[in-house]
């Protein structure tokens, strides 16, 4: 009895090709699932990020009366992120400078307005 070796090779070739395309299909699906997971994760995490408008990076600085801490009038507005009067956060002297959110007046002299956000003190009386 004769056995057909061609049919065996054909079925082996068919299995290899099928296996190859099946592997490609699963590999492609795995990449798509990973990409979809990354997009869903990014959207989920972006829901927890604060989308508040950007605040200014400075304050309106005014010198303060050393005894009472009330802001003095100025002829020049100073808008900076740091204290321009070389004061300290904690010092034994009186009040030195204050950072405010706004000012009042259309021309000099200007007065402090809005919230007082920072208060700095002088080193000496």
Protein backbone atom coordinates (compact mmCIF):
# COMPACT_ATOMS: atom_id res chain seq x y z
CA UNK A 1 0.00 0.00 0.00
CA UNK A 2 1.24 3.44 -0.94
CA UNK A 3 1.26 6.40 1.44
CA UNK A 4 1.03 9.86 -0.02
CA UNK A 5 3.78 12.01 1.46
CA UNK A 6 2.57 15.10 -0.40
CA UNK A 7 -0.66 15.21 1.58
CA UNK A 8 1.29 15.07 4.84
CA UNK A 9 3.51 17.97 3.78
CA UNK A 10 0.49 19.98 2.70
CA UNK A 11 -1.23 19.53 6.01
CA UNK A 12 1.98 20.41 7.86
CA UNK A 13 2.38 23.53 5.70
CA UNK A 14 -1.26 24.45 6.29
CA UNK A 15 -0.77 24.11 10.05
CA UNK A 16 2.35 26.32 9.97
CA UNK A 17 0.64 29.01 7.91
CA UNK A 18 -2.46 28.90 10.08
CA UNK A 19 -0.32 29.06 13.20
CA UNK A 20 1.63 32.02 11.77
CA UNK A 21 -1.51 34.01 10.93
CA UNK A 22 -3.12 33.11 14.24
CA UNK A 23 -0.01 34.40 16.02
CA UNK A 24 -0.14 37.61 13.94
CA UNK A 25 -3.80 38.05 14.75
CA UNK A 26 -3.22 37.63 18.50
CA UNK A 27 -0.15 39.87 18.40
CA UNK A 28 -2.11 42.56 16.55
CA UNK A 29 -5.01 42.24 19.00
CA UNK A 30 -2.60 42.44 21.96
CA UNK A 31 -1.10 45.69 20.61
CA UNK A 32 -4.56 47.14 20.03
CA UNK A 33 -5.71 46.18 23.50
CA UNK A 34 -2.58 47.71 25.04
CA UNK A 35 -3.08 50.91 23.01
CA UNK A 36 -6.74 51.09 23.97
CA UNK A 37 -5.81 50.51 27.62
CA UNK A 38 -3.27 53.37 27.46
CA UNK A 39 -5.86 55.75 25.97
CA UNK A 40 -8.49 54.80 28.57
CA UNK A 41 -5.94 55.20 31.37
CA UNK A 42 -4.89 58.64 30.08
CA UNK A 43 -8.50 59.80 29.87
CA UNK A 44 -9.24 58.46 33.33
CA UNK A 45 -6.23 60.17 34.90
CA UNK A 46 -6.93 63.45 33.12
CA UNK A 47 -10.32 63.54 34.83
CA UNK A 48 -8.53 63.99 38.17
CA UNK A 49 -6.23 66.81 37.06
CA UNK A 50 -7.20 70.30 38.13
CA UNK A 51 -8.02 72.47 35.13
CA UNK A 52 -8.06 75.77 37.01
CA UNK A 53 -6.91 78.85 35.13
CA UNK A 54 -3.31 79.85 35.65
CA UNK A 55 -2.74 82.34 38.39
CA UNK A 56 -0.35 85.24 38.06
CA UNK A 57 3.17 84.64 39.20
CA UNK A 58 3.48 87.72 41.38
CA UNK A 59 1.93 89.99 43.98
CA UNK A 60 1.56 93.72 44.42
CA UNK A 61 4.04 94.57 47.18
CA UNK A 62 3.47 97.48 49.55
CA UNK A 63 5.57 98.65 52.49
CA UNK A 64 3.80 98.29 55.83
CA UNK A 65 3.76 100.62 58.81
CA UNK A 66 6.22 99.02 61.28
CA UNK A 67 3.94 99.40 64.30
CA UNK A 68 0.42 98.79 62.97
CA UNK A 69 1.06 96.74 59.83
CA UNK A 70 -1.22 98.89 57.65
CA UNK A 71 -0.03 99.30 54.06
CA UNK A 72 1.53 102.61 53.07
CA UNK A 73 0.78 104.50 49.85
CA UNK A 74 3.34 104.14 47.05
CA UNK A 75 4.12 106.13 43.90
CA UNK A 76 5.49 103.12 41.99
CA UNK A 77 3.73 99.76 41.80
CA UNK A 78 5.88 96.68 42.36
CA UNK A 79 4.56 93.39 40.93
CA UNK A 80 6.98 90.54 41.71
CA UNK A 81 6.87 86.94 42.96
CA UNK A 82 9.33 87.73 45.78
CA UNK A 83 9.70 90.49 48.36
CA UNK A 84 11.53 93.50 46.83
CA UNK A 85 12.05 95.17 50.24
CA UNK A 86 14.56 92.59 51.57
CA UNK A 87 12.38 91.67 54.54
CA UNK A 88 12.19 88.34 56.33
CA UNK A 89 9.37 85.87 57.00
CA UNK A 90 10.21 85.65 60.72
CA UNK A 91 12.08 88.50 62.35
CA UNK A 92 11.95 90.32 65.71
CA UNK A 93 11.35 93.77 64.20
CA UNK A 94 8.04 95.27 63.19
CA UNK A 95 6.07 94.85 59.99
CA UNK A 96 8.01 95.46 56.78
CA UNK A 97 6.11 94.54 53.60
CA UNK A 98 2.95 92.86 52.45
CA UNK A 99 1.86 91.10 49.29
CA UNK A 100 -1.61 92.01 47.99
CA UNK A 101 -3.77 90.69 45.18
CA UNK A 102 -4.62 94.12 43.76
CA UNK A 103 -4.29 97.86 44.23
CA UNK A 104 -6.54 100.90 44.04
CA UNK A 105 -5.95 104.15 42.22
CA UNK A 106 -5.54 105.01 38.57
CA UNK A 107 -2.43 107.11 39.12
CA UNK A 108 0.09 107.66 41.93
CA UNK A 109 -0.20 107.38 44.86
CA UNK A 110 -1.47 103.81 44.86
CA UNK A 111 -3.06 102.01 47.82
CA UNK A 112 -3.14 98.31 48.59
CA UNK A 113 -6.42 96.52 47.89
CA UNK A 114 -7.66 92.97 47.75
CA UNK A 115 -6.43 90.21 50.02
CA UNK A 116 -3.17 90.43 51.92
CA UNK A 117 -1.47 87.14 51.07
CA UNK A 118 1.96 87.49 52.66
CA UNK A 119 3.39 89.60 55.49
CA UNK A 120 7.13 90.03 55.97
CA UNK A 121 8.90 91.53 58.97
CA UNK A 122 12.02 93.64 59.38
CA UNK A 123 15.08 92.52 61.32
CA UNK A 124 15.25 95.70 63.42
CA UNK A 125 12.75 98.22 64.80
